[in-house]
Amino acid sequence: MTENQAPKTVLNNYDDGPIVVLFGGRRGAGKTLLTCYFAYYGHKVQKRPVFHNGCLNFGKRVDIEDLLDLGPELQDSIIVIDELQLYMDSSRAGSTLNYLLSNSLTLLRKLNFSLLATTQRIQNISSRFTWQTDYIIECVTPPTQYKGKIILFELTSTGTVKAPFKKRFRLYQAQRFWNLYQTEAIFDTTKSITITSDMIRENKKEEHRDKVIEILKEAGKYYETLYFSDIENIIKQNNLIISSTQLGRWLTDILGQPRRTKEGREYTIEL
């Protein structure tokens, strides 16, 4: 089979909606290089824009949390995420980025894009992601003098866009694409996820604080004072999950020090 048949098989389906491809293989197996080849094929042959998380030397670099903001820009594009386990590891199923990325896929289903992601251990990827995967590619680089020059890989269709199948391919002269990808991307990605998680948590906290202020303004139309327990109940009724400690700090910042009574802390609702 010709080398171009593999990316054609995968990327030519994008008219049917988003295509999600997961590239797996041990360290040095050539998965990032192969992903780079697929993305470059789509970029040059199909004239599609490419977005990535810092692993390529072409296209546009985008932080994971900014994917949703791109919206229409992702139409008919190719998104490349290197080292997916840093975001979507099953042991981090409750993490902010895990939740954000999986929901980005769900919300962007109407856009025709291809998402290409690499990982060393496919079985460790969160089910939030794998259930949306259309193709799985396992990479094997011969441990000989051809390492990094020949990539053997097995392409499996999960049956979502094409009937299930399993085919083997080879990419010869892979060194042609060495200068197109960034080998140090994993370090940038690790740094990015640390910064990004903090930023997302901080933004979420600010959103909740603003919502508390809105609720207090509305409550002030009907009450001059409220006990902490009353305010806490109103907050819960508005589907906000805020710890008592955090709420207490915000109320002091927003309303000032409460009056302590036998019934509890009493706040004057003046904003």
C-alpha atoms as a PDB file:
ATOM      1  CA  MET A   1       0.000   0.000   0.000  1.00  0.00           C
ATOM      2  CA  THR A   2       1.282   3.498  -0.800  1.00  0.00           C
ATOM      3  CA  GLU A   3       2.226   5.671   2.163  1.00  0.00           C
ATOM      4  CA  ASN A   4      -0.374   8.330   1.296  1.00  0.00           C
ATOM      5  CA  GLN A   5      -3.194   5.797   1.495  1.00  0.00           C
ATOM      6  CA  ALA A   6      -3.222   5.894   5.316  1.00  0.00           C
ATOM      7  CA  PRO A   7      -3.800   9.656   5.755  1.00  0.00           C
ATOM      8  CA  LYS A   8      -6.235   9.599   2.827  1.00  0.00           C
ATOM      9  CA  THR A   9      -8.229   6.838   4.528  1.00  0.00           C
ATOM     10  CA  VAL A  10      -8.419   8.819   7.755  1.00  0.00           C
ATOM     11  CA  LEU A  11      -8.530  12.486   6.757  1.00  0.00           C
ATOM     12  CA  ASN A  12     -10.830  12.184   3.740  1.00  0.00           C
ATOM     13  CA  ASN A  13     -13.717  11.379   6.095  1.00  0.00           C
ATOM     14  CA  TYR A  14     -13.851  14.863   7.597  1.00  0.00           C
ATOM     15  CA  ASP A  15     -16.886  15.809   5.492  1.00  0.00           C
ATOM     16  CA  ASP A  16     -18.893  13.468   7.727  1.00  0.00           C
ATOM     17  CA  GLY A  17     -18.000  15.424  10.864  1.00  0.00           C
ATOM     18  CA  PRO A  18     -15.094  15.483  13.340  1.00  0.00           C
ATOM     19  CA  ILE A  19     -12.550  12.680  13.054  1.00  0.00           C
ATOM     20  CA  VAL A  20     -10.605  11.705  16.191  1.00  0.00           C
ATOM     21  CA  VAL A  21      -7.406   9.676  15.762  1.00  0.00           C
ATOM     22  CA  LEU A  22      -5.297   8.323  18.616  1.00  0.00           C
ATOM     23  CA  PHE A  23      -1.622   7.481  17.914  1.00  0.00           C
ATOM     24  CA  GLY A  24      -0.064   5.087  20.420  1.00  0.00           C
ATOM     25  CA  GLY A  25       3.334   3.497  20.922  1.00  0.00           C
ATOM     26  CA  ARG A  26       6.272   3.332  23.296  1.00  0.00           C
ATOM     27  CA  ARG A  27       8.749   6.181  23.621  1.00  0.00           C
ATOM     28  CA  GLY A  28      10.711   6.558  20.393  1.00  0.00           C
ATOM     29  CA  ALA A  29       8.222   4.499  18.362  1.00  0.00           C
ATOM     30  CA  GLY A  30       7.694   7.382  15.952  1.00  0.00           C
ATOM     31  CA  LYS A  31       4.157   8.340  16.927  1.00  0.00           C
ATOM     32  CA  THR A  32       4.796  12.097  17.028  1.00  0.00           C
ATOM     33  CA  LEU A  33       6.708  11.934  13.756  1.00  0.00           C
ATOM     34  CA  LEU A  34       3.906   9.936  12.140  1.00  0.00           C
ATOM     35  CA  THR A  35       1.284  12.338  13.506  1.00  0.00           C
ATOM     36  CA  CYS A  36       3.327  15.174  12.048  1.00  0.00           C
ATOM     37  CA  TYR A  37       3.246  13.416   8.660  1.00  0.00           C
ATOM     38  CA  PHE A  38      -0.555  13.020   8.793  1.00  0.00           C
ATOM     39  CA  ALA A  39      -0.995  16.679   9.760  1.00  0.00           C
ATOM     40  CA  TYR A  40       1.427  17.843   7.069  1.00  0.00           C
ATOM     41  CA  TYR A  41      -0.407  15.787   4.444  1.00  0.00           C
ATOM     42  CA  GLY A  42      -3.723  17.404   5.413  1.00  0.00           C
ATOM     43  CA  HIS A  43      -2.113  20.845   5.501  1.00  0.00           C
ATOM     44  CA  LYS A  44      -0.311  20.659   2.138  1.00  0.00           C
ATOM     45  CA  VAL A  45      -2.494  18.342   0.070  1.00  0.00           C
ATOM     46  CA  GLN A  46      -5.934  19.229   1.465  1.00  0.00           C
ATOM     47  CA  LYS A  47      -5.041  22.866   2.269  1.00  0.00           C
ATOM     48  CA  ARG A  48      -6.402  22.592   5.809  1.00  0.00           C
ATOM     49  CA  PRO A  49      -5.318  24.854   8.699  1.00  0.00           C
ATOM     50  CA  VAL A  50      -3.416  23.151  11.522  1.00  0.00           C
ATOM     51  CA  PHE A  51      -3.543  23.930  15.251  1.00  0.00           C
ATOM     52  CA  HIS A  52      -1.253  22.227  17.791  1.00  0.00           C
ATOM     53  CA  ASN A  53      -0.067  22.379  21.408  1.00  0.00           C
ATOM     54  CA  GLY A  54       3.553  23.172  20.579  1.00  0.00           C
ATOM     55  CA  CYS A  55       4.676  19.915  18.967  1.00  0.00           C
ATOM     56  CA  LEU A  56       4.937  21.124  15.342  1.00  0.00           C
ATOM     57  CA  ASN A  57       7.032  23.657  13.472  1.00  0.00           C
ATOM     58  CA  PHE A  58       4.148  24.633  11.200  1.00  0.00           C
ATOM     59  CA  GLY A  59       0.546  25.647  11.783  1.00  0.00           C
ATOM     60  CA  LYS A  60      -0.613  27.674  14.785  1.00  0.00           C
ATOM     61  CA  ARG A  61       0.149  26.888  18.405  1.00  0.00           C
ATOM     62  CA  VAL A  62      -2.918  26.966  20.677  1.00  0.00           C
ATOM     63  CA  ASP A  63      -3.268  26.188  24.389  1.00  0.00           C
ATOM     64  CA  ILE A  64      -5.767  23.431  25.136  1.00  0.00           C
ATOM     65  CA  GLU A  65      -8.080  25.668  27.146  1.00  0.00           C
ATOM     66  CA  ASP A  66      -8.384  28.044  24.176  1.00  0.00           C
ATOM     67  CA  LEU A  67      -9.792  25.451  21.766  1.00  0.00           C
ATOM     68  CA  LEU A  68     -13.406  26.378  22.452  1.00  0.00           C
ATOM     69  CA  ASP A  69     -12.695  30.059  21.839  1.00  0.00           C
ATOM     70  CA  LEU A  70     -11.527  29.333  18.280  1.00  0.00           C
ATOM     71  CA  GLY A  71     -15.030  28.201  17.293  1.00  0.00           C
ATOM     72  CA  PRO A  72     -15.528  28.666  13.523  1.00  0.00           C
ATOM     73  CA  GLU A  73     -11.743  28.826  12.960  1.00  0.00           C
ATOM     74  CA  LEU A  74     -11.650  25.065  13.578  1.00  0.00           C
ATOM     75  CA  GLN A  75     -13.912  24.373  10.592  1.00  0.00           C
ATOM     76  CA  ASP A  76     -12.169  21.823   8.307  1.00  0.00           C
ATOM     77  CA  SER A  77      -8.981  22.118  10.383  1.00  0.00           C
ATOM     78  CA  ILE A  78      -6.551  19.612  11.876  1.00  0.00           C
ATOM     79  CA  ILE A  79      -5.838  19.754  15.626  1.00  0.00           C
ATOM     80  CA  VAL A  80      -2.718  18.001  16.920  1.00  0.00           C
ATOM     81  CA  ILE A  81      -2.212  17.240  20.636  1.00  0.00           C
ATOM     82  CA  ASP A  82       1.068  15.607  21.619  1.00  0.00           C
ATOM     83  CA  GLU A  83       1.326  13.537  24.833  1.00  0.00           C
ATOM     84  CA  LEU A  84      -2.427  13.402  25.436  1.00  0.00           C
ATOM     85  CA  GLN A  85      -1.961  11.559  28.752  1.00  0.00           C
ATOM     86  CA  LEU A  86      -0.866  14.849  30.336  1.00  0.00           C
ATOM     87  CA  TYR A  87      -4.435  16.078  29.875  1.00  0.00           C
ATOM     88  CA  MET A  88      -6.626  12.977  29.611  1.00  0.00           C
ATOM     89  CA  ASP A  89      -5.058  10.311  31.827  1.00  0.00           C
ATOM     90  CA  SER A  90      -7.775   8.106  33.359  1.00  0.00           C
ATOM     91  CA  SER A  91      -6.265   8.607  36.814  1.00  0.00           C
ATOM     92  CA  ARG A  92      -6.936  12.326  36.421  1.00  0.00           C
ATOM     93  CA  ALA A  93     -10.537  11.914  35.282  1.00  0.00           C
ATOM     94  CA  GLY A  94     -11.710  14.702  37.539  1.00  0.00           C
ATOM     95  CA  SER A  95      -9.112  17.236  36.445  1.00  0.00           C
ATOM     96  CA  THR A  96     -10.134  20.538  34.934  1.00  0.00           C
ATOM     97  CA  LEU A  97      -8.303  20.015  31.633  1.00  0.00           C
ATOM     98  CA  ASN A  98      -9.641  16.475  31.269  1.00  0.00           C
ATOM     99  CA  TYR A  99     -13.172  17.807  31.675  1.00  0.00           C
ATOM    100  CA  LEU A 100     -12.510  20.790  29.411  1.00  0.00           C
ATOM    101  CA  LEU A 101     -10.991  18.806  26.553  1.00  0.00           C
ATOM    102  CA  SER A 102     -13.649  16.097  26.530  1.00  0.00           C
ATOM    103  CA  ASN A 103     -16.403  18.704  26.585  1.00  0.00           C
ATOM    104  CA  SER A 104     -14.693  20.677  23.830  1.00  0.00           C
ATOM    105  CA  LEU A 105     -15.014  17.620  21.615  1.00  0.00           C
ATOM    106  CA  THR A 106     -18.687  17.266  22.451  1.00  0.00           C
ATOM    107  CA  LEU A 107     -19.467  20.938  21.872  1.00  0.00           C
ATOM    108  CA  LEU A 108     -17.515  21.094  18.618  1.00  0.00           C
ATOM    109  CA  ARG A 109     -19.147  18.065  16.990  1.00  0.00           C
ATOM    110  CA  LYS A 110     -20.803  20.291  14.385  1.00  0.00           C
ATOM    111  CA  LEU A 111     -17.431  21.459  13.073  1.00  0.00           C
ATOM    112  CA  ASN A 112     -15.631  19.301  10.524  1.00  0.00           C
ATOM    113  CA  PHE A 113     -12.164  18.927  12.006  1.00  0.00           C
ATOM    114  CA  SER A 114      -9.672  16.136  12.527  1.00  0.00           C
ATOM    115  CA  LEU A 115      -8.100  15.700  15.975  1.00  0.00           C
ATOM    116  CA  LEU A 116      -4.798  13.801  15.993  1.00  0.00           C
ATOM    117  CA  ALA A 117      -3.422  12.935  19.446  1.00  0.00           C
ATOM    118  CA  THR A 118      -0.424  10.927  20.642  1.00  0.00           C
ATOM    119  CA  THR A 119       0.124   8.934  23.825  1.00  0.00           C
ATOM    120  CA  GLN A 120       2.549   6.300  25.086  1.00  0.00           C
ATOM    121  CA  ARG A 121      -0.205   4.209  26.681  1.00  0.00           C
ATOM    122  CA  ILE A 122      -3.607   4.212  24.988  1.00  0.00           C
ATOM    123  CA  GLN A 123      -5.127   2.103  27.783  1.00  0.00           C
ATOM    124  CA  ASN A 124      -4.435   4.901  30.284  1.00  0.00           C
ATOM    125  CA  ILE A 125      -6.412   7.522  28.385  1.00  0.00           C
ATOM    126  CA  SER A 126      -9.701   8.591  29.950  1.00  0.00           C
ATOM    127  CA  SER A 127     -12.826   6.918  28.568  1.00  0.00           C
ATOM    128  CA  ARG A 128     -14.237  10.428  28.047  1.00  0.00           C
ATOM    129  CA  PHE A 129     -11.845  10.655  25.114  1.00  0.00           C
ATOM    130  CA  THR A 130     -11.579   7.082  23.860  1.00  0.00           C
ATOM    131  CA  TRP A 131     -15.327   6.656  23.299  1.00  0.00           C
ATOM    132  CA  GLN A 132     -15.092   9.512  20.792  1.00  0.00           C
ATOM    133  CA  THR A 133     -12.106   7.997  18.952  1.00  0.00           C
ATOM    134  CA  ASP A 134     -12.667   6.934  15.326  1.00  0.00           C
ATOM    135  CA  TYR A 135      -9.234   5.484  14.507  1.00  0.00           C
ATOM    136  CA  ILE A 136      -6.411   4.012  16.577  1.00  0.00           C
ATOM    137  CA  ILE A 137      -2.887   3.860  15.164  1.00  0.00           C
ATOM    138  CA  GLU A 138      -0.188   1.777  16.874  1.00  0.00           C
ATOM    139  CA  CYS A 139       3.362   2.764  15.888  1.00  0.00           C
ATOM    140  CA  VAL A 140       6.450   0.537  15.861  1.00  0.00           C
ATOM    141  CA  THR A 141       9.898   1.748  14.796  1.00  0.00           C
ATOM    142  CA  PRO A 142      12.411  -1.027  13.980  1.00  0.00           C
ATOM    143  CA  PRO A 143      15.171  -1.047  16.661  1.00  0.00           C
ATOM    144  CA  THR A 144      17.895  -1.015  13.994  1.00  0.00           C
ATOM    145  CA  GLN A 145      19.847   1.509  11.962  1.00  0.00           C
ATOM    146  CA  TYR A 146      16.466   2.389  10.405  1.00  0.00           C
ATOM    147  CA  LYS A 147      15.119   3.827  13.665  1.00  0.00           C
ATOM    148  CA  GLY A 148      13.434   7.142  12.939  1.00  0.00           C
ATOM    149  CA  LYS A 149      13.625   6.477   9.211  1.00  0.00           C
ATOM    150  CA  ILE A 150      11.040   3.717   8.823  1.00  0.00           C
ATOM    151  CA  ILE A 151       7.828   3.679  10.849  1.00  0.00           C
ATOM    152  CA  LEU A 152       5.639   0.598  10.905  1.00  0.00           C
ATOM    153  CA  PHE A 153       2.084   1.226  12.030  1.00  0.00           C
ATOM    154  CA  GLU A 154      -1.260  -0.525  12.292  1.00  0.00           C
ATOM    155  CA  LEU A 155      -4.422   1.427  11.527  1.00  0.00           C
ATOM    156  CA  THR A 156      -7.643   0.258  13.203  1.00  0.00           C
ATOM    157  CA  SER A 157     -11.102   1.634  12.512  1.00  0.00           C
ATOM    158  CA  THR A 158     -13.415   1.573  15.553  1.00  0.00           C
ATOM    159  CA  GLY A 159     -16.438   1.423  13.248  1.00  0.00           C
ATOM    160  CA  THR A 160     -17.802   4.913  13.901  1.00  0.00           C
ATOM    161  CA  VAL A 161     -17.199   6.399  10.444  1.00  0.00           C
ATOM    162  CA  LYS A 162     -16.133   3.283   8.536  1.00  0.00           C
ATOM    163  CA  ALA A 163     -16.784  -0.402   9.030  1.00  0.00           C
ATOM    164  CA  PRO A 164     -14.283  -1.910  11.488  1.00  0.00           C
ATOM    165  CA  PHE A 165     -10.991  -2.910   9.885  1.00  0.00           C
ATOM    166  CA  LYS A 166      -7.299  -3.307  10.703  1.00  0.00           C
ATOM    167  CA  LYS A 167      -4.540  -2.563   8.155  1.00  0.00           C
ATOM    168  CA  ARG A 168      -0.769  -2.325   8.320  1.00  0.00           C
ATOM    169  CA  PHE A 169       1.312   0.411   6.687  1.00  0.00           C
ATOM    170  CA  ARG A 170       4.890   1.622   6.453  1.00  0.00           C
ATOM    171  CA  LEU A 171       6.237   5.138   6.197  1.00  0.00           C
ATOM    172  CA  TYR A 172       9.620   5.141   4.485  1.00  0.00           C
ATOM    173  CA  GLN A 173      12.201   7.951   4.668  1.00  0.00           C
ATOM    174  CA  ALA A 174      10.512   9.412   7.727  1.00  0.00           C
ATOM    175  CA  GLN A 175      13.531  11.694   8.175  1.00  0.00           C
ATOM    176  CA  ARG A 176      11.893  13.903   5.536  1.00  0.00           C
ATOM    177  CA  PHE A 177       9.625  15.192   8.319  1.00  0.00           C
ATOM    178  CA  TRP A 178      12.162  15.559  11.137  1.00  0.00           C
ATOM    179  CA  ASN A 179      12.353  19.345  10.769  1.00  0.00           C
ATOM    180  CA  LEU A 180       8.566  19.695  10.880  1.00  0.00           C
ATOM    181  CA  TYR A 181       8.026  18.690  14.502  1.00  0.00           C
ATOM    182  CA  GLN A 182       9.324  19.874  17.871  1.00  0.00           C
ATOM    183  CA  THR A 183      10.987  17.109  19.890  1.00  0.00           C
ATOM    184  CA  GLU A 184      11.032  19.191  23.103  1.00  0.00           C
ATOM    185  CA  ALA A 185       7.238  19.667  23.054  1.00  0.00           C
ATOM    186  CA  ILE A 186       6.631  17.418  26.079  1.00  0.00           C
ATOM    187  CA  PHE A 187       8.441  19.859  28.363  1.00  0.00           C
ATOM    188  CA  ASP A 188       6.472  22.811  27.028  1.00  0.00           C
ATOM    189  CA  THR A 189       3.260  20.841  27.437  1.00  0.00           C
ATOM    190  CA  THR A 190       3.997  19.915  31.038  1.00  0.00           C
ATOM    191  CA  LYS A 191       4.732  23.532  31.846  1.00  0.00           C
ATOM    192  CA  SER A 192       1.586  24.618  30.031  1.00  0.00           C
ATOM    193  CA  ILE A 193      -0.698  22.243  31.888  1.00  0.00           C
ATOM    194  CA  THR A 194       0.532  23.503  35.259  1.00  0.00           C
ATOM    195  CA  ILE A 195      -0.019  27.127  34.367  1.00  0.00           C
ATOM    196  CA  THR A 196      -3.267  26.446  32.562  1.00  0.00           C
ATOM    197  CA  SER A 197      -4.851  24.479  35.404  1.00  0.00           C
ATOM    198  CA  ASP A 198      -4.165  27.320  37.831  1.00  0.00           C
ATOM    199  CA  MET A 199      -5.560  29.870  35.405  1.00  0.00           C
ATOM    200  CA  ILE A 200      -8.735  27.867  34.823  1.00  0.00           C
ATOM    201  CA  ARG A 201      -9.315  27.363  38.546  1.00  0.00           C
ATOM    202  CA  GLU A 202      -8.772  31.075  39.194  1.00  0.00           C
ATOM    203  CA  ASN A 203     -11.171  32.095  36.408  1.00  0.00           C
ATOM    204  CA  LYS A 204     -13.807  29.696  37.719  1.00  0.00           C
ATOM    205  CA  LYS A 205     -13.424  31.111  41.220  1.00  0.00           C
ATOM    206  CA  GLU A 206     -13.914  34.650  39.907  1.00  0.00           C
ATOM    207  CA  GLU A 207     -17.050  33.573  38.037  1.00  0.00           C
ATOM    208  CA  HIS A 208     -18.485  32.079  41.241  1.00  0.00           C
ATOM    209  CA  ARG A 209     -17.637  35.195  43.240  1.00  0.00           C
ATOM    210  CA  ASP A 210     -19.394  37.408  40.681  1.00  0.00           C
ATOM    211  CA  LYS A 211     -22.415  35.127  40.863  1.00  0.00           C
ATOM    212  CA  VAL A 212     -22.485  35.419  44.658  1.00  0.00           C
ATOM    213  CA  ILE A 213     -22.510  39.213  44.322  1.00  0.00           C
ATOM    214  CA  GLU A 214     -25.457  39.024  41.904  1.00  0.00           C
ATOM    215  CA  ILE A 215     -27.359  36.784  44.318  1.00  0.00           C
ATOM    216  CA  LEU A 216     -26.667  39.127  47.245  1.00  0.00           C
ATOM    217  CA  LYS A 217     -27.874  42.127  45.236  1.00  0.00           C
ATOM    218  CA  GLU A 218     -31.114  40.323  44.468  1.00  0.00           C
ATOM    219  CA  ALA A 219     -31.528  39.212  48.095  1.00  0.00           C
ATOM    220  CA  GLY A 220     -30.946  42.804  49.241  1.00  0.00           C
ATOM    221  CA  LYS A 221     -34.193  43.797  47.526  1.00  0.00           C
ATOM    222  CA  TYR A 222     -36.109  41.716  50.060  1.00  0.00           C
ATOM    223  CA  TYR A 223     -33.928  41.482  53.186  1.00  0.00           C
ATOM    224  CA  GLU A 224     -31.925  44.005  55.183  1.00  0.00           C
ATOM    225  CA  THR A 225     -29.972  41.301  56.990  1.00  0.00           C
ATOM    226  CA  LEU A 226     -29.370  37.581  56.514  1.00  0.00           C
ATOM    227  CA  TYR A 227     -27.670  34.893  58.565  1.00  0.00           C
ATOM    228  CA  PHE A 228     -24.771  32.959  57.078  1.00  0.00           C
ATOM    229  CA  SER A 229     -26.850  29.754  57.000  1.00  0.00           C
ATOM    230  CA  ASP A 230     -29.576  31.542  55.016  1.00  0.00           C
ATOM    231  CA  ILE A 231     -27.092  32.882  52.472  1.00  0.00           C
ATOM    232  CA  GLU A 232     -25.472  29.457  52.179  1.00  0.00           C
ATOM    233  CA  ASN A 233     -28.864  27.875  51.422  1.00  0.00           C
ATOM    234  CA  ILE A 234     -29.609  30.502  48.749  1.00  0.00           C
ATOM    235  CA  ILE A 235     -26.225  29.824  47.154  1.00  0.00           C
ATOM    236  CA  LYS A 236     -26.919  26.076  47.037  1.00  0.00           C
ATOM    237  CA  GLN A 237     -30.361  26.695  45.533  1.00  0.00           C
ATOM    238  CA  ASN A 238     -28.591  28.506  42.690  1.00  0.00           C
ATOM    239  CA  ASN A 239     -26.487  25.382  42.002  1.00  0.00           C
ATOM    240  CA  LEU A 240     -23.196  26.904  43.154  1.00  0.00           C
ATOM    241  CA  ILE A 241     -20.768  24.610  44.954  1.00  0.00           C
ATOM    242  CA  ILE A 242     -18.704  26.788  47.290  1.00  0.00           C
ATOM    243  CA  SER A 243     -17.063  25.720  50.545  1.00  0.00           C
ATOM    244  CA  SER A 244     -18.265  27.383  53.750  1.00  0.00           C
ATOM    245  CA  THR A 245     -14.772  28.752  54.351  1.00  0.00           C
ATOM    246  CA  GLN A 246     -14.546  30.336  50.900  1.00  0.00           C
ATOM    247  CA  LEU A 247     -18.063  31.753  51.133  1.00  0.00           C
ATOM    248  CA  GLY A 248     -17.289  33.256  54.539  1.00  0.00           C
ATOM    249  CA  ARG A 249     -14.214  35.020  53.139  1.00  0.00           C
ATOM    250  CA  TRP A 250     -16.150  36.406  50.196  1.00  0.00           C
ATOM    251  CA  LEU A 251     -19.018  37.626  52.364  1.00  0.00           C
ATOM    252  CA  THR A 252     -16.580  39.484  54.617  1.00  0.00           C
ATOM    253  CA  ASP A 253     -14.904  41.085  51.580  1.00  0.00           C
ATOM    254  CA  ILE A 254     -18.238  42.001  49.975  1.00  0.00           C
ATOM    255  CA  LEU A 255     -20.436  42.881  52.970  1.00  0.00           C
ATOM    256  CA  GLY A 256     -17.942  43.566  55.741  1.00  0.00           C
ATOM    257  CA  GLN A 257     -17.600  41.895  59.120  1.00  0.00           C
ATOM    258  CA  PRO A 258     -20.783  40.113  60.311  1.00  0.00           C
ATOM    259  CA  ARG A 259     -22.540  40.663  63.626  1.00  0.00           C
ATOM    260  CA  ARG A 260     -22.140  37.571  65.770  1.00  0.00           C
ATOM    261  CA  THR A 261     -25.344  36.450  67.500  1.00  0.00           C
ATOM    262  CA  LYS A 262     -26.631  33.307  69.182  1.00  0.00           C
ATOM    263  CA  GLU A 263     -28.351  32.387  65.922  1.00  0.00           C
ATOM    264  CA  GLY A 264     -25.101  32.754  63.976  1.00  0.00           C
ATOM    265  CA  ARG A 265     -23.258  35.327  61.888  1.00  0.00           C
ATOM    266  CA  GLU A 266     -25.605  38.046  60.649  1.00  0.00           C
ATOM    267  CA  TYR A 267     -24.709  40.136  57.575  1.00  0.00           C
ATOM    268  CA  THR A 268     -26.145  43.474  56.548  1.00  0.00           C
ATOM    269  CA  ILE A 269     -27.050  43.205  52.854  1.00  0.00           C
ATOM    270  CA  GLU A 270     -25.839  46.516  51.462  1.00  0.00           C
ATOM    271  CA  LEU A 271     -24.167  46.639  48.053  1.00  0.00           C
END
